[in-house]
């Protein structure tokens, strides 16, 4: 549902992790972020994206710091290119690295997203 919003816990450096099906990997080239319904007060502006073969062996491929270009309108989308990869991975983690746009509120460490899309070359089998 494109109008559904996912919220993380309100803890510093909140993160979301995706583990692909076994034997499925991706060479990640771009990541798109779609703000959630209440993003005018919780827009994600600083985050990292890491990839790896497991949740404990991850390497950063994207660092976004205080990006205000996406704005704060609900459901607004921004796409970011990742560092060039030559290997496919099965685990992707997005981690908030600074408070969201409601920096002074009690919920400044919540990730509020209506969607995340990963682009690249997908391998199965």
Protein backbone atom coordinates (compact mmCIF):
# COMPACT_ATOMS: atom_id res chain seq x y z
CA UNK A 1 0.00 0.00 0.00
CA UNK A 2 1.71 3.23 -1.12
CA UNK A 3 -0.09 5.23 1.59
CA UNK A 4 1.18 3.02 4.44
CA UNK A 5 3.92 4.43 6.66
CA UNK A 6 6.58 2.45 8.54
CA UNK A 7 7.97 3.87 11.76
CA UNK A 8 11.04 2.61 13.56
CA UNK A 9 11.57 2.78 17.29
CA UNK A 10 12.60 6.17 18.62
CA UNK A 11 16.21 5.26 19.41
CA UNK A 12 19.42 6.90 18.27
CA UNK A 13 20.79 5.42 15.04
CA UNK A 14 17.54 3.59 14.26
CA UNK A 15 17.89 1.18 11.37
CA UNK A 16 15.93 -1.05 9.03
CA UNK A 17 17.45 -4.23 7.58
CA UNK A 18 16.40 -6.27 4.55
CA UNK A 19 17.69 -9.81 4.14
CA UNK A 20 17.00 -11.21 0.67
CA UNK A 21 15.86 -14.78 0.12
CA UNK A 22 18.61 -17.38 0.25
CA UNK A 23 20.59 -17.53 -3.00
CA UNK A 24 19.29 -14.07 -4.00
CA UNK A 25 21.74 -11.16 -4.17
CA UNK A 26 21.91 -7.70 -5.72
CA UNK A 27 24.60 -5.42 -7.04
CA UNK A 28 23.07 -2.23 -5.67
CA UNK A 29 23.27 0.89 -7.86
CA UNK A 30 20.58 3.23 -6.47
CA UNK A 31 18.28 3.61 -3.46
CA UNK A 32 14.97 5.52 -3.50
CA UNK A 33 13.41 6.82 -0.29
CA UNK A 34 9.73 7.83 -0.02
CA UNK A 35 8.72 9.88 3.02
CA UNK A 36 5.79 8.74 5.11
CA UNK A 37 2.50 10.50 5.77
CA UNK A 38 3.75 12.48 8.74
CA UNK A 39 7.10 13.30 7.15
CA UNK A 40 6.62 17.04 7.45
CA UNK A 41 7.77 16.54 11.01
CA UNK A 42 9.95 13.44 10.55
CA UNK A 43 11.77 13.73 7.21
CA UNK A 44 14.82 11.47 6.92
CA UNK A 45 17.80 13.66 6.05
CA UNK A 46 20.93 11.85 7.24
CA UNK A 47 21.47 8.13 6.74
CA UNK A 48 23.79 5.42 5.52
CA UNK A 49 23.08 2.37 3.40
CA UNK A 50 25.26 -0.67 3.94
CA UNK A 51 25.39 -4.00 2.12
CA UNK A 52 26.93 -7.33 3.01
CA UNK A 53 26.67 -11.08 3.04
CA UNK A 54 25.22 -11.09 6.57
CA UNK A 55 23.89 -8.62 9.15
CA UNK A 56 27.28 -8.59 10.89
CA UNK A 57 29.54 -8.08 7.86
CA UNK A 58 28.32 -4.87 6.20
CA UNK A 59 30.12 -2.18 4.24
CA UNK A 60 28.82 1.33 3.53
CA UNK A 61 27.82 2.17 -0.06
CA UNK A 62 25.88 5.40 0.50
CA UNK A 63 26.22 8.27 2.98
CA UNK A 64 23.66 11.08 2.97
CA UNK A 65 24.23 14.01 5.32
CA UNK A 66 21.56 16.63 6.06
CA UNK A 67 19.91 16.41 2.63
CA UNK A 68 17.12 18.99 2.68
CA UNK A 69 16.54 18.75 -1.09
CA UNK A 70 13.85 16.10 -0.70
CA UNK A 71 11.73 18.53 1.32
CA UNK A 72 9.19 17.49 3.92
CA UNK A 73 6.04 16.89 1.88
CA UNK A 74 4.38 13.52 2.61
CA UNK A 75 5.22 10.75 0.11
CA UNK A 76 7.98 12.79 -1.59
CA UNK A 77 10.65 10.57 -3.23
CA UNK A 78 14.38 11.02 -3.68
CA UNK A 79 16.79 8.62 -5.41
CA UNK A 80 20.47 8.34 -4.53
CA UNK A 81 23.26 6.56 -6.44
CA UNK A 82 25.42 4.19 -4.41
CA UNK A 83 29.15 3.68 -4.66
CA UNK A 84 30.01 1.44 -7.57
CA UNK A 85 29.93 -2.20 -6.51
CA UNK A 86 31.45 -5.20 -8.22
CA UNK A 87 30.00 -7.84 -5.92
CA UNK A 88 26.42 -8.88 -5.18
CA UNK A 89 25.13 -8.94 -1.61
CA UNK A 90 22.07 -10.34 0.16
CA UNK A 91 21.71 -7.98 3.13
CA UNK A 92 20.92 -4.25 3.02
CA UNK A 93 20.70 -1.95 6.05
CA UNK A 94 19.55 1.68 6.20
CA UNK A 95 20.67 3.51 9.36
CA UNK A 96 19.69 7.00 10.50
CA UNK A 97 22.86 8.92 11.38
CA UNK A 98 21.37 12.18 12.71
CA UNK A 99 17.96 13.30 13.99
CA UNK A 100 15.16 13.68 11.46
CA UNK A 101 13.60 17.04 10.53
CA UNK A 102 11.82 17.19 13.90
CA UNK A 103 15.20 17.49 15.61
CA UNK A 104 13.77 19.14 18.72
CA UNK A 105 10.81 16.81 19.22
CA UNK A 106 10.67 13.72 21.38
CA UNK A 107 10.44 11.53 18.26
CA UNK A 108 13.48 12.87 16.41
CA UNK A 109 15.08 9.42 15.95
CA UNK A 110 12.11 7.70 14.30
CA UNK A 111 12.46 6.58 10.69
CA UNK A 112 9.19 7.47 8.95
CA UNK A 113 9.02 5.96 5.45
CA UNK A 114 6.27 4.99 3.02
CA UNK A 115 8.71 3.16 0.79
CA UNK A 116 12.25 2.15 -0.02
CA UNK A 117 13.25 0.83 -3.43
CA UNK A 118 16.55 -0.81 -4.35
CA UNK A 119 17.87 -0.72 -7.91
CA UNK A 120 20.64 -2.76 -9.46
CA UNK A 121 21.33 -6.17 -10.92
CA UNK A 122 19.48 -8.99 -9.15
CA UNK A 123 20.84 -12.54 -9.12
CA UNK A 124 18.84 -15.62 -8.15
CA UNK A 125 19.65 -19.27 -8.09
